[in-house]
Protein backbone atom coordinates (compact mmCIF):
# COMPACT_ATOMS: atom_id res chain seq x y z
CA ASP A 1 71.74 -160.70 -29.13
CA GLU A 2 68.14 -161.63 -28.27
CA ARG A 3 68.97 -164.91 -26.63
CA VAL A 4 71.54 -163.08 -24.23
CA GLY A 5 68.89 -160.67 -23.28
CA ALA A 6 66.27 -163.36 -22.54
CA LEU A 7 68.75 -165.19 -20.34
CA GLN A 8 69.80 -161.99 -18.49
CA GLY A 9 66.18 -161.10 -18.08
CA ALA A 10 65.46 -164.69 -16.84
CA GLN A 11 68.24 -164.49 -14.37
CA ARG A 12 66.97 -161.23 -12.93
CA VAL A 13 63.54 -162.78 -12.39
CA ASP A 14 65.25 -165.77 -10.69
CA GLU A 15 67.29 -163.55 -8.49
CA ALA A 16 64.07 -161.79 -7.41
CA LEU A 17 62.37 -164.97 -6.76
CA ALA A 18 65.28 -166.15 -4.67
CA SER A 19 65.07 -162.99 -2.51
CA GLN A 20 61.31 -163.43 -1.92
CA PHE A 21 61.29 -166.62 0.06
CA PRO A 22 58.77 -165.80 2.98
CA ALA A 23 60.28 -165.63 6.43
CA GLY A 24 60.19 -168.91 7.96
CA ALA A 25 59.66 -170.77 4.71
CA LEU A 26 62.95 -172.54 4.96
CA ASP A 27 62.99 -173.36 8.79
CA ALA A 28 61.96 -176.95 8.42
CA VAL A 29 64.18 -177.70 5.31
CA THR A 30 66.77 -180.29 5.88
CA PHE A 31 67.94 -180.96 2.31
CA VAL A 32 67.59 -179.15 -1.16
CA ALA A 33 68.04 -180.73 -4.43
CA VAL A 34 67.88 -179.11 -7.72
CA SER A 35 67.60 -180.67 -11.13
CA LEU A 36 69.96 -179.30 -13.87
CA PRO A 37 68.90 -180.97 -17.04
CA MET A 38 70.33 -178.21 -19.21
CA HIS A 39 72.73 -175.18 -19.08
CA THR A 40 69.94 -172.66 -18.79
CA ALA A 41 68.59 -174.46 -15.75
CA THR A 42 72.11 -174.35 -14.22
CA ARG A 43 72.33 -170.54 -14.71
CA LEU A 44 68.87 -170.05 -13.31
CA ALA A 45 69.63 -172.05 -10.24
CA LEU A 46 72.65 -170.45 -9.09
CA PRO A 47 71.07 -167.42 -7.44
CA VAL A 48 68.47 -169.58 -5.71
CA LEU A 49 71.26 -171.88 -4.39
CA ARG A 50 73.38 -168.91 -3.18
CA THR A 51 70.21 -167.46 -1.32
CA LEU A 52 69.47 -170.83 0.24
CA LYS A 53 73.07 -171.32 1.36
CA ALA A 54 73.15 -167.81 2.90
CA ARG A 55 69.92 -168.19 4.64
CA ARG A 56 70.34 -171.86 5.87
CA PRO A 57 74.09 -172.59 5.63
CA GLY A 58 73.78 -175.92 7.54
CA VAL A 59 71.30 -177.42 5.10
CA PRO A 60 73.06 -179.54 2.37
CA LEU A 61 72.50 -178.45 -1.28
CA CYS A 62 72.47 -181.00 -3.99
CA ALA A 63 72.55 -180.42 -7.75
CA PHE A 64 71.86 -183.34 -9.97
CA GLY A 65 71.15 -184.03 -13.71
CA LEU A 66 73.14 -184.01 -16.97
CA TYR A 67 74.74 -180.55 -16.39
CA ALA A 68 75.51 -180.81 -12.64
CA PRO A 69 78.76 -182.71 -13.23
CA LEU A 70 79.74 -180.53 -16.09
CA ASN A 71 79.42 -177.39 -13.88
CA GLU A 72 80.67 -179.00 -10.59
CA ALA A 73 83.40 -176.40 -9.97
CA ARG A 74 80.93 -173.53 -10.35
CA LEU A 75 78.24 -175.36 -8.26
CA ARG A 76 80.64 -176.04 -5.50
CA ALA A 77 82.05 -172.57 -5.49
CA ASP A 78 78.37 -171.36 -4.94
CA GLY A 79 77.91 -173.72 -1.92
CA VAL A 80 76.51 -176.88 -3.45
CA ASP A 81 77.54 -179.79 -1.25
CA VAL A 82 76.48 -182.80 -3.37
CA VAL A 83 76.87 -182.97 -7.25
CA LEU A 84 75.25 -186.08 -8.95
CA GLY A 85 74.97 -186.88 -12.62
CA PRO A 86 71.87 -188.11 -14.38
CA GLU A 87 70.13 -191.45 -13.39
CA CYS A 88 71.13 -190.87 -9.71
CA GLU A 89 67.84 -191.64 -8.08
CA ASP A 90 69.08 -194.05 -5.47
CA THR A 91 72.09 -191.80 -4.47
CA LEU A 92 69.76 -188.86 -4.42
CA VAL A 93 67.43 -190.57 -1.99
CA ALA A 94 70.17 -191.69 0.03
CA ALA A 95 71.64 -188.24 0.35
CA ALA A 96 68.20 -186.80 1.41
CA LEU A 97 67.70 -189.39 3.93
CA ALA A 98 71.28 -188.91 5.44
CA ALA A 99 70.53 -185.19 5.74
CA ARG A 100 67.33 -186.14 7.92
CA ALA A 101 69.31 -188.37 10.27
CA PRO A 102 70.10 -186.78 13.68
């Protein structure tokens, strides 16, 4: 089906982007948060999250938005540390600030 092909193609593009982070680009990163407002965003974010976790295993990863709690088991299996639902701004900011604390 055309939709499946488009998603598979998009995932390949996303995997290629994830592998292209320039050397040193993640050195100063202390927290990563990705918005997952829909299922497609979740599927596209997974390769990027896996790459980030592999390159910077000590950096907390956060997924937030409508589809984050719905996919919590998959996200955690791929290394996501914090999973938040929609309307989570205060908790998201608190998690980011906690990651910066010495």
